[in-house]
């Protein structure tokens, strides 16, 4: 589909769509930087990954406890 110019003629320039980001880019912007070496024992990235997993599990646990408590009470 061509764009219409102000004078009513179709534009010769094609319509460009926005560049597509990977599906999880908004939630996990650094996901494309992970590699096999990120998980080697003793590396800073592995410690950060472990902390992020623990934080996620803690938030999930607290959320689950609150939902359970609200249903029981």
PDB file of N, CA and C in Angstrom:
ATOM      1  N   UNK A   1       0.847  -1.166   0.000  1.00  0.00           N
ATOM      2  CA  UNK A   1       0.000   0.000   0.000  1.00  0.00           C
ATOM      3  C   UNK A   1       0.897   1.235   0.000  1.00  0.00           C
ATOM      4  N   UNK A   2       0.654   2.137  -0.893  1.00  0.00           N
ATOM      5  CA  UNK A   2       1.482   3.334  -1.026  1.00  0.00           C
ATOM      6  C   UNK A   2       0.885   4.473  -0.225  1.00  0.00           C
ATOM      7  N   UNK A   3       1.754   5.348   0.234  1.00  0.00           N
ATOM      8  CA  UNK A   3       1.285   6.548   0.916  1.00  0.00           C
ATOM      9  C   UNK A   3       0.808   7.548  -0.126  1.00  0.00           C
ATOM     10  N   UNK A   4      -0.139   8.388   0.274  1.00  0.00           N
ATOM     11  CA  UNK A   4      -0.667   9.416  -0.619  1.00  0.00           C
ATOM     12  C   UNK A   4      -0.027  10.749  -0.253  1.00  0.00           C
ATOM     13  N   UNK A   5       0.534  11.427  -1.259  1.00  0.00           N
ATOM     14  CA  UNK A   5       1.138  12.736  -1.054  1.00  0.00           C
ATOM     15  C   UNK A   5       0.039  13.787  -0.899  1.00  0.00           C
ATOM     16  N   UNK A   6       0.438  15.027  -0.544  1.00  0.00           N
ATOM     17  CA  UNK A   6      -0.521  16.115  -0.369  1.00  0.00           C
ATOM     18  C   UNK A   6      -1.267  16.451  -1.656  1.00  0.00           C
ATOM     19  N   UNK A   7      -0.634  16.242  -2.803  1.00  0.00           N
ATOM     20  CA  UNK A   7      -1.279  16.580  -4.067  1.00  0.00           C
ATOM     21  C   UNK A   7      -2.122  15.429  -4.623  1.00  0.00           C
ATOM     22  N   UNK A   8      -2.293  14.341  -3.875  1.00  0.00           N
ATOM     23  CA  UNK A   8      -3.146  13.244  -4.292  1.00  0.00           C
ATOM     24  C   UNK A   8      -2.430  12.118  -5.020  1.00  0.00           C
ATOM     25  N   UNK A   9      -1.153  12.297  -5.366  1.00  0.00           N
ATOM     26  CA  UNK A   9      -0.402  11.244  -6.056  1.00  0.00           C
ATOM     27  C   UNK A   9       0.187  10.274  -5.045  1.00  0.00           C
ATOM     28  N   UNK A  10       0.331   8.998  -5.424  1.00  0.00           N
ATOM     29  CA  UNK A  10       0.974   8.043  -4.510  1.00  0.00           C
ATOM     30  C   UNK A  10       2.460   8.369  -4.352  1.00  0.00           C
ATOM     31  N   UNK A  11       2.966   8.147  -3.153  1.00  0.00           N
ATOM     32  CA  UNK A  11       4.379   8.382  -2.874  1.00  0.00           C
ATOM     33  C   UNK A  11       5.215   7.273  -3.502  1.00  0.00           C
ATOM     34  N   UNK A  12       6.414   7.606  -3.950  1.00  0.00           N
ATOM     35  CA  UNK A  12       7.316   6.610  -4.523  1.00  0.00           C
ATOM     36  C   UNK A  12       8.117   5.889  -3.448  1.00  0.00           C
ATOM     37  N   UNK A  13       8.149   6.461  -2.244  1.00  0.00           N
ATOM     38  CA  UNK A  13       8.916   5.865  -1.155  1.00  0.00           C
ATOM     39  C   UNK A  13       8.066   4.788  -0.469  1.00  0.00           C
ATOM     40  N   UNK A  14       8.609   3.593  -0.275  1.00  0.00           N
ATOM     41  CA  UNK A  14       7.826   2.533   0.378  1.00  0.00           C
ATOM     42  C   UNK A  14       7.599   2.839   1.856  1.00  0.00           C
ATOM     43  N   UNK A  15       6.522   2.293   2.397  1.00  0.00           N
ATOM     44  CA  UNK A  15       6.222   2.456   3.813  1.00  0.00           C
ATOM     45  C   UNK A  15       7.154   1.541   4.596  1.00  0.00           C
ATOM     46  N   UNK A  16       7.815   2.115   5.599  1.00  0.00           N
ATOM     47  CA  UNK A  16       8.720   1.326   6.424  1.00  0.00           C
ATOM     48  C   UNK A  16       8.012   1.003   7.735  1.00  0.00           C
ATOM     49  N   UNK A  17       8.046  -0.243   8.115  1.00  0.00           N
ATOM     50  CA  UNK A  17       7.459  -0.622   9.398  1.00  0.00           C
ATOM     51  C   UNK A  17       8.525  -0.466  10.492  1.00  0.00           C
ATOM     52  N   UNK A  18       8.057  -0.417  11.712  1.00  0.00           N
ATOM     53  CA  UNK A  18       8.972  -0.282  12.841  1.00  0.00           C
ATOM     54  C   UNK A  18       9.829  -1.550  12.941  1.00  0.00           C
ATOM     55  N   UNK A  19      11.090  -1.408  13.348  1.00  0.00           N
ATOM     56  CA  UNK A  19      11.926  -2.602  13.492  1.00  0.00           C
ATOM     57  C   UNK A  19      11.350  -3.512  14.569  1.00  0.00           C
ATOM     58  N   UNK A  20      11.368  -4.795  14.303  1.00  0.00           N
ATOM     59  CA  UNK A  20      10.804  -5.738  15.260  1.00  0.00           C
ATOM     60  C   UNK A  20      11.837  -6.119  16.301  1.00  0.00           C
ATOM     61  N   UNK A  21      11.429  -5.999  17.555  1.00  0.00           N
ATOM     62  CA  UNK A  21      12.278  -6.412  18.659  1.00  0.00           C
ATOM     63  C   UNK A  21      11.966  -7.857  18.999  1.00  0.00           C
ATOM     64  N   UNK A  22      12.912  -8.543  19.608  1.00  0.00           N
ATOM     65  CA  UNK A  22      12.599  -9.891  20.075  1.00  0.00           C
ATOM     66  C   UNK A  22      11.414  -9.841  21.042  1.00  0.00           C
ATOM     67  N   UNK A  23      10.647 -10.907  21.162  1.00  0.00           N
ATOM     68  CA  UNK A  23       9.420 -10.879  21.963  1.00  0.00           C
ATOM     69  C   UNK A  23       9.612 -10.476  23.424  1.00  0.00           C
ATOM     70  N   UNK A  24      10.713 -10.847  24.026  1.00  0.00           N
ATOM     71  CA  UNK A  24      10.916 -10.546  25.444  1.00  0.00           C
ATOM     72  C   UNK A  24      11.799  -9.329  25.682  1.00  0.00           C
ATOM     73  N   UNK A  25      12.051  -8.545  24.658  1.00  0.00           N
ATOM     74  CA  UNK A  25      12.971  -7.412  24.771  1.00  0.00           C
ATOM     75  C   UNK A  25      12.525  -6.409  25.831  1.00  0.00           C
ATOM     76  N   UNK A  26      11.228  -6.160  25.945  1.00  0.00           N
ATOM     77  CA  UNK A  26      10.750  -5.190  26.924  1.00  0.00           C
ATOM     78  C   UNK A  26      10.929  -5.690  28.353  1.00  0.00           C
ATOM     79  N   UNK A  27      10.735  -6.975  28.568  1.00  0.00           N
ATOM     80  CA  UNK A  27      10.848  -7.525  29.916  1.00  0.00           C
ATOM     81  C   UNK A  27      12.273  -7.876  30.306  1.00  0.00           C
ATOM     82  N   UNK A  28      13.044  -8.393  29.353  1.00  0.00           N
ATOM     83  CA  UNK A  28      14.407  -8.838  29.629  1.00  0.00           C
ATOM     84  C   UNK A  28      15.365  -8.235  28.597  1.00  0.00           C
ATOM     85  N   UNK A  29      15.715  -6.949  28.755  1.00  0.00           N
ATOM     86  CA  UNK A  29      16.529  -6.301  27.725  1.00  0.00           C
ATOM     87  C   UNK A  29      17.923  -6.874  27.554  1.00  0.00           C
ATOM     88  N   UNK A  30      18.476  -7.520  28.558  1.00  0.00           N
ATOM     89  CA  UNK A  30      19.829  -8.065  28.453  1.00  0.00           C
ATOM     90  C   UNK A  30      19.860  -9.533  28.070  1.00  0.00           C
ATOM     91  N   UNK A  31      18.715 -10.088  27.695  1.00  0.00           N
ATOM     92  CA  UNK A  31      18.648 -11.518  27.413  1.00  0.00           C
ATOM     93  C   UNK A  31      19.541 -11.915  26.240  1.00  0.00           C
ATOM     94  N   UNK A  32      19.704 -11.043  25.264  1.00  0.00           N
ATOM     95  CA  UNK A  32      20.529 -11.376  24.104  1.00  0.00           C
ATOM     96  C   UNK A  32      22.017 -11.405  24.439  1.00  0.00           C
ATOM     97  N   UNK A  33      22.400 -10.919  25.611  1.00  0.00           N
ATOM     98  CA  UNK A  33      23.806 -10.900  26.003  1.00  0.00           C
ATOM     99  C   UNK A  33      24.217 -12.138  26.788  1.00  0.00           C
ATOM    100  N   UNK A  34      23.263 -13.011  27.102  1.00  0.00           N
ATOM    101  CA  UNK A  34      23.597 -14.226  27.832  1.00  0.00           C
ATOM    102  C   UNK A  34      24.337 -15.189  26.918  1.00  0.00           C
ATOM    103  N   UNK A  35      25.337 -15.834  27.463  1.00  0.00           N
ATOM    104  CA  UNK A  35      26.069 -16.842  26.710  1.00  0.00           C
ATOM    105  C   UNK A  35      26.385 -18.002  27.648  1.00  0.00           C
ATOM    106  N   UNK A  36      27.003 -19.014  27.110  1.00  0.00           N
ATOM    107  CA  UNK A  36      27.362 -20.173  27.927  1.00  0.00           C
ATOM    108  C   UNK A  36      28.327 -19.775  29.041  1.00  0.00           C
ATOM    109  N   UNK A  37      29.200 -18.824  28.766  1.00  0.00           N
ATOM    110  CA  UNK A  37      30.174 -18.417  29.787  1.00  0.00           C
ATOM    111  C   UNK A  37      29.520 -17.637  30.924  1.00  0.00           C
ATOM    112  N   UNK A  38      28.295 -17.156  30.731  1.00  0.00           N
ATOM    113  CA  UNK A  38      27.593 -16.446  31.800  1.00  0.00           C
ATOM    114  C   UNK A  38      27.311 -17.350  32.986  1.00  0.00           C
ATOM    115  N   UNK A  39      27.264 -18.662  32.749  1.00  0.00           N
ATOM    116  CA  UNK A  39      26.906 -19.607  33.795  1.00  0.00           C
ATOM    117  C   UNK A  39      28.103 -20.341  34.390  1.00  0.00           C
ATOM    118  N   UNK A  40      29.316 -19.946  34.019  1.00  0.00           N
ATOM    119  CA  UNK A  40      30.505 -20.580  34.597  1.00  0.00           C
ATOM    120  C   UNK A  40      30.605 -20.223  36.077  1.00  0.00           C
ATOM    121  N   UNK A  41      31.018 -21.188  36.867  1.00  0.00           N
ATOM    122  CA  UNK A  41      31.097 -21.015  38.311  1.00  0.00           C
ATOM    123  C   UNK A  41      32.083 -19.897  38.671  1.00  0.00           C
ATOM    124  N   UNK A  42      31.655 -19.028  39.584  1.00  0.00           N
ATOM    125  CA  UNK A  42      32.525 -17.969  40.085  1.00  0.00           C
ATOM    126  C   UNK A  42      32.491 -16.674  39.295  1.00  0.00           C
ATOM    127  N   UNK A  43      31.729 -16.616  38.195  1.00  0.00           N
ATOM    128  CA  UNK A  43      31.690 -15.378  37.421  1.00  0.00           C
ATOM    129  C   UNK A  43      30.664 -14.408  38.006  1.00  0.00           C
ATOM    130  N   UNK A  44      30.887 -13.146  37.746  1.00  0.00           N
ATOM    131  CA  UNK A  44      29.983 -12.108  38.233  1.00  0.00           C
ATOM    132  C   UNK A  44      28.590 -12.276  37.642  1.00  0.00           C
ATOM    133  N   UNK A  45      28.508 -12.628  36.378  1.00  0.00           N
ATOM    134  CA  UNK A  45      27.199 -12.781  35.748  1.00  0.00           C
ATOM    135  C   UNK A  45      26.418 -13.931  36.373  1.00  0.00           C
ATOM    136  N   UNK A  46      27.101 -15.007  36.740  1.00  0.00           N
ATOM    137  CA  UNK A  46      26.400 -16.125  37.385  1.00  0.00           C
ATOM    138  C   UNK A  46      25.860 -15.707  38.744  1.00  0.00           C
ATOM    139  N   UNK A  47      26.632 -14.921  39.483  1.00  0.00           N
ATOM    140  CA  UNK A  47      26.143 -14.440  40.785  1.00  0.00           C
ATOM    141  C   UNK A  47      24.928 -13.542  40.594  1.00  0.00           C
ATOM    142  N   UNK A  48      24.957 -12.689  39.577  1.00  0.00           N
ATOM    143  CA  UNK A  48      23.808 -11.827  39.309  1.00  0.00           C
ATOM    144  C   UNK A  48      22.580 -12.641  38.897  1.00  0.00           C
ATOM    145  N   UNK A  49      22.800 -13.663  38.079  1.00  0.00           N
ATOM    146  CA  UNK A  49      21.695 -14.524  37.652  1.00  0.00           C
ATOM    147  C   UNK A  49      21.104 -15.242  38.865  1.00  0.00           C
ATOM    148  N   UNK A  50      21.957 -15.757  39.731  1.00  0.00           N
ATOM    149  CA  UNK A  50      21.474 -16.446  40.927  1.00  0.00           C
ATOM    150  C   UNK A  50      20.692 -15.503  41.836  1.00  0.00           C
ATOM    151  N   UNK A  51      21.174 -14.265  42.010  1.00  0.00           N
ATOM    152  CA  UNK A  51      20.453 -13.291  42.824  1.00  0.00           C
ATOM    153  C   UNK A  51      19.091 -12.965  42.219  1.00  0.00           C
ATOM    154  N   UNK A  52      19.044 -12.808  40.910  1.00  0.00           N
ATOM    155  CA  UNK A  52      17.784 -12.495  40.241  1.00  0.00           C
ATOM    156  C   UNK A  52      16.790 -13.644  40.389  1.00  0.00           C
ATOM    157  N   UNK A  53      17.264 -14.884  40.278  1.00  0.00           N
ATOM    158  CA  UNK A  53      16.384 -16.045  40.449  1.00  0.00           C
ATOM    159  C   UNK A  53      15.866 -16.102  41.881  1.00  0.00           C
ATOM    160  N   UNK A  54      16.746 -15.890  42.855  1.00  0.00           N
ATOM    161  CA  UNK A  54      16.315 -15.902  44.258  1.00  0.00           C
ATOM    162  C   UNK A  54      15.306 -14.796  44.545  1.00  0.00           C
ATOM    163  N   UNK A  55      15.530 -13.616  43.992  1.00  0.00           N
ATOM    164  CA  UNK A  55      14.590 -12.508  44.185  1.00  0.00           C
ATOM    165  C   UNK A  55      13.235 -12.838  43.555  1.00  0.00           C
ATOM    166  N   UNK A  56      13.259 -13.406  42.367  1.00  0.00           N
ATOM    167  CA  UNK A  56      12.019 -13.797  41.702  1.00  0.00           C
ATOM    168  C   UNK A  56      11.266 -14.837  42.533  1.00  0.00           C
ATOM    169  N   UNK A  57      11.979 -15.845  43.035  1.00  0.00           N
ATOM    170  CA  UNK A  57      11.342 -16.875  43.853  1.00  0.00           C
ATOM    171  C   UNK A  57      10.793 -16.296  45.156  1.00  0.00           C
ATOM    172  N   UNK A  58      11.515 -15.356  45.757  1.00  0.00           N
ATOM    173  CA  UNK A  58      11.035 -14.730  46.989  1.00  0.00           C
ATOM    174  C   UNK A  58       9.755 -13.928  46.735  1.00  0.00           C
ATOM    175  N   UNK A  59       9.736 -13.159  45.664  1.00  0.00           N
ATOM    176  CA  UNK A  59       8.535 -12.382  45.327  1.00  0.00           C
ATOM    177  C   UNK A  59       7.365 -13.313  45.022  1.00  0.00           C
ATOM    178  N   UNK A  60       7.638 -14.390  44.275  1.00  0.00           N
ATOM    179  CA  UNK A  60       6.588 -15.360  43.963  1.00  0.00           C
ATOM    180  C   UNK A  60       6.080 -16.022  45.248  1.00  0.00           C
ATOM    181  N   UNK A  61       6.967 -16.343  46.180  1.00  0.00           N
ATOM    182  CA  UNK A  61       6.570 -16.953  47.448  1.00  0.00           C
ATOM    183  C   UNK A  61       5.729 -16.023  48.300  1.00  0.00           C
ATOM    184  N   UNK A  62       6.146 -14.773  48.399  1.00  0.00           N
ATOM    185  CA  UNK A  62       5.376 -13.797  49.172  1.00  0.00           C
ATOM    186  C   UNK A  62       4.004 -13.579  48.537  1.00  0.00           C
ATOM    187  N   UNK A  63       3.966 -13.483  47.226  1.00  0.00           N
ATOM    188  CA  UNK A  63       2.692 -13.306  46.528  1.00  0.00           C
ATOM    189  C   UNK A  63       1.777 -14.511  46.756  1.00  0.00           C
ATOM    190  N   UNK A  64       2.323 -15.701  46.648  1.00  0.00           N
ATOM    191  CA  UNK A  64       1.546 -16.907  46.903  1.00  0.00           C
ATOM    192  C   UNK A  64       1.034 -16.964  48.334  1.00  0.00           C
ATOM    193  N   UNK A  65       1.878 -16.575  49.300  1.00  0.00           N
ATOM    194  CA  UNK A  65       1.474 -16.569  50.707  1.00  0.00           C
ATOM    195  C   UNK A  65       0.351 -15.566  50.933  1.00  0.00           C
ATOM    196  N   UNK A  66       0.452 -14.393  50.319  1.00  0.00           N
ATOM    197  CA  UNK A  66      -0.602 -13.377  50.478  1.00  0.00           C
ATOM    198  C   UNK A  66      -1.920 -13.840  49.866  1.00  0.00           C
ATOM    199  N   UNK A  67      -1.852 -14.463  48.713  1.00  0.00           N
ATOM    200  CA  UNK A  67      -3.076 -14.965  48.076  1.00  0.00           C
ATOM    201  C   UNK A  67      -3.692 -16.070  48.932  1.00  0.00           C
ATOM    202  N   UNK A  68      -2.865 -16.979  49.437  1.00  0.00           N
ATOM    203  CA  UNK A  68      -3.363 -18.062  50.287  1.00  0.00           C
ATOM    204  C   UNK A  68      -3.973 -17.515  51.561  1.00  0.00           C
ATOM    205  N   UNK A  69      -3.316 -16.541  52.165  1.00  0.00           N
ATOM    206  CA  UNK A  69      -3.821 -15.943  53.407  1.00  0.00           C
ATOM    207  C   UNK A  69      -5.141 -15.204  53.157  1.00  0.00           C
ATOM    208  N   UNK A  70      -5.267 -14.545  52.024  1.00  0.00           N
ATOM    209  CA  UNK A  70      -6.509 -13.817  51.755  1.00  0.00           C
ATOM    210  C   UNK A  70      -7.663 -14.774  51.479  1.00  0.00           C
ATOM    211  N   UNK A  71      -7.385 -15.944  50.921  1.00  0.00           N
ATOM    212  CA  UNK A  71      -8.438 -16.932  50.669  1.00  0.00           C
ATOM    213  C   UNK A  71      -8.854 -17.608  51.974  1.00  0.00           C
ATOM    214  N   UNK A  72      -7.884 -17.919  52.828  1.00  0.00           N
ATOM    215  CA  UNK A  72      -8.157 -18.598  54.087  1.00  0.00           C
ATOM    216  C   UNK A  72      -8.870 -17.675  55.063  1.00  0.00           C
ATOM    217  N   UNK A  73      -8.434 -16.444  55.139  1.00  0.00           N
ATOM    218  CA  UNK A  73      -9.046 -15.485  56.087  1.00  0.00           C
ATOM    219  C   UNK A  73     -10.255 -14.919  55.443  1.00  0.00           C
TER     220      UNK A  73
END
